[in-house]
Amino acid sequence: MRPVEHHDELDKDECSEEDLFNSTSTVKESPVLPTDEKIIENISKHSPFQTLSPEEKEVLWRNRYTVINNQELICKLLKCVNTRDVQNLKETEILTKVRYFYYQIDM
C-alpha cells in the first residue's frame, strides 16, 4: 500500500485547494504505528454498517494518507471526517480526487 504524502502545511487553518492538491499529490512511505496497524486491520474486518468507536475514528483519520489507498477502508474513513471543520472537508475532497486520478493513471 502506498500512502499519500502528508505535509505540515495541511494542518494550517488557511490553505487553498491548490495547496492541498499539490501537497497531497505525491506519494511516499509514511510509518503507521504498530498499535494503529492492529486497529486498522480490525476495522477492515468490520461490517460496512458497523459504527466506529471514537478511538477507531481517530486512528483512521490520523492515518488517512495511508488508509485512503485501501479500498475496504475508504467508506469507513469518510465516516471519520469532521463535517463541521471546513479544512477537514477540503482535505478529504482533495484526497479522494488525488486517489481517483492516481488510480486512473496507474491502470
Protein backbone atom coordinates (compact mmCIF):
# COMPACT_ATOMS: atom_id res chain seq x y z
CA MET A 1 0.00 0.00 0.00
CA ARG A 2 1.43 3.40 -0.97
CA PRO A 3 0.29 6.19 1.36
CA VAL A 4 -0.34 9.68 0.14
CA GLU A 5 2.33 12.03 1.42
CA HIS A 6 1.49 14.32 4.32
CA HIS A 7 2.84 17.84 4.60
CA ASP A 8 2.63 20.02 7.68
CA GLU A 9 1.10 22.81 5.58
CA LEU A 10 -2.15 20.86 5.54
CA ASP A 11 -2.57 21.44 9.25
CA LYS A 12 -2.68 25.22 8.89
CA ASP A 13 -6.02 26.96 9.20
CA GLU A 14 -5.82 28.72 5.84
CA CYS A 15 -4.92 26.58 2.87
CA SER A 16 -6.13 26.88 -0.72
CA GLU A 17 -7.45 23.95 -2.72
CA GLU A 18 -4.42 24.22 -4.99
CA ASP A 19 -2.08 24.00 -1.98
CA LEU A 20 -3.93 20.95 -0.74
CA PHE A 21 -3.80 19.28 -4.13
CA ASN A 22 -0.10 19.99 -4.56
CA SER A 23 0.77 18.77 -1.08
CA THR A 24 -1.18 15.50 -1.37
CA SER A 25 -0.39 14.62 -4.96
CA THR A 26 2.94 12.92 -4.26
CA VAL A 27 3.41 9.51 -2.73
CA LYS A 28 5.94 8.32 -0.17
CA GLU A 29 6.17 5.83 2.64
CA SER A 30 4.86 7.06 5.96
CA PRO A 31 5.01 4.89 9.07
CA VAL A 32 1.88 3.63 10.77
CA LEU A 33 2.28 2.87 14.45
CA PRO A 34 2.09 -0.87 15.24
CA THR A 35 -0.87 -0.30 17.57
CA ASP A 36 -2.65 1.71 14.87
CA GLU A 37 -1.90 -1.01 12.34
CA LYS A 38 -3.70 -3.60 14.50
CA ILE A 39 -6.69 -1.31 14.99
CA ILE A 40 -6.86 -0.58 11.26
CA GLU A 41 -6.71 -4.28 10.49
CA ASN A 42 -9.61 -4.91 12.89
CA ILE A 43 -11.60 -2.05 11.37
CA SER A 44 -11.13 -3.53 7.89
CA LYS A 45 -12.89 -6.68 9.14
CA HIS A 46 -15.92 -4.71 10.39
CA SER A 47 -19.18 -4.70 8.52
CA PRO A 48 -19.60 -1.52 6.45
CA PHE A 49 -22.62 -0.72 8.61
CA GLN A 50 -20.89 -1.14 11.95
CA THR A 51 -20.50 2.06 13.94
CA LEU A 52 -16.92 3.05 14.60
CA SER A 53 -15.80 3.95 18.09
CA PRO A 54 -14.25 7.38 18.71
CA GLU A 55 -10.84 5.70 19.06
CA GLU A 56 -11.25 3.89 15.73
CA LYS A 57 -12.26 7.12 14.01
CA GLU A 58 -9.25 8.89 15.46
CA VAL A 59 -6.88 6.14 14.26
CA LEU A 60 -8.34 6.16 10.75
CA TRP A 61 -8.16 9.94 10.48
CA ARG A 62 -4.61 10.06 11.86
CA ASN A 63 -3.58 7.53 9.19
CA ARG A 64 -5.77 8.93 6.39
CA TYR A 65 -2.87 9.28 3.94
CA THR A 66 -2.34 5.52 4.08
CA VAL A 67 -5.97 4.46 4.57
CA ILE A 68 -7.18 6.39 1.50
CA ASN A 69 -5.43 3.80 -0.67
CA ASN A 70 -7.25 0.84 0.89
CA GLN A 71 -10.47 0.09 -1.00
CA GLU A 72 -12.05 -1.60 2.04
CA LEU A 73 -11.44 1.40 4.28
CA ILE A 74 -12.41 4.37 2.12
CA CYS A 75 -16.07 4.43 3.20
CA LYS A 76 -15.05 3.97 6.82
CA LEU A 77 -12.55 6.80 6.50
CA LEU A 78 -15.28 9.07 5.16
CA LYS A 79 -17.29 8.38 8.32
CA CYS A 80 -14.42 9.91 10.31
CA VAL A 81 -14.47 13.29 8.63
CA ASN A 82 -15.44 16.12 10.94
CA THR A 83 -18.08 17.76 8.74
CA ARG A 84 -18.08 20.86 10.95
CA ASP A 85 -14.45 21.53 10.06
CA VAL A 86 -14.11 23.13 6.62
CA GLN A 87 -10.42 22.21 6.46
CA ASN A 88 -11.21 18.52 7.03
CA LEU A 89 -13.83 18.66 4.30
CA LYS A 90 -11.45 20.30 1.83
CA GLU A 91 -8.68 17.86 2.65
CA THR A 92 -11.00 14.88 2.26
CA GLU A 93 -12.21 16.14 -1.10
CA ILE A 94 -8.66 16.58 -2.35
CA LEU A 95 -7.53 13.20 -1.01
CA THR A 96 -10.35 11.44 -2.83
CA LYS A 97 -9.59 13.33 -6.05
CA VAL A 98 -5.90 12.51 -5.81
CA ARG A 99 -6.72 8.86 -5.17
CA TYR A 100 -9.09 8.78 -8.14
CA PHE A 101 -6.59 10.36 -10.53
CA TYR A 102 -3.70 8.30 -9.14
CA TYR A 103 -5.53 5.04 -9.85
CA GLN A 104 -6.69 6.25 -13.27
CA ILE A 105 -3.07 6.78 -14.27
CA ASP A 106 -1.84 3.63 -12.52
CA MET A 107 -4.14 1.35 -14.53
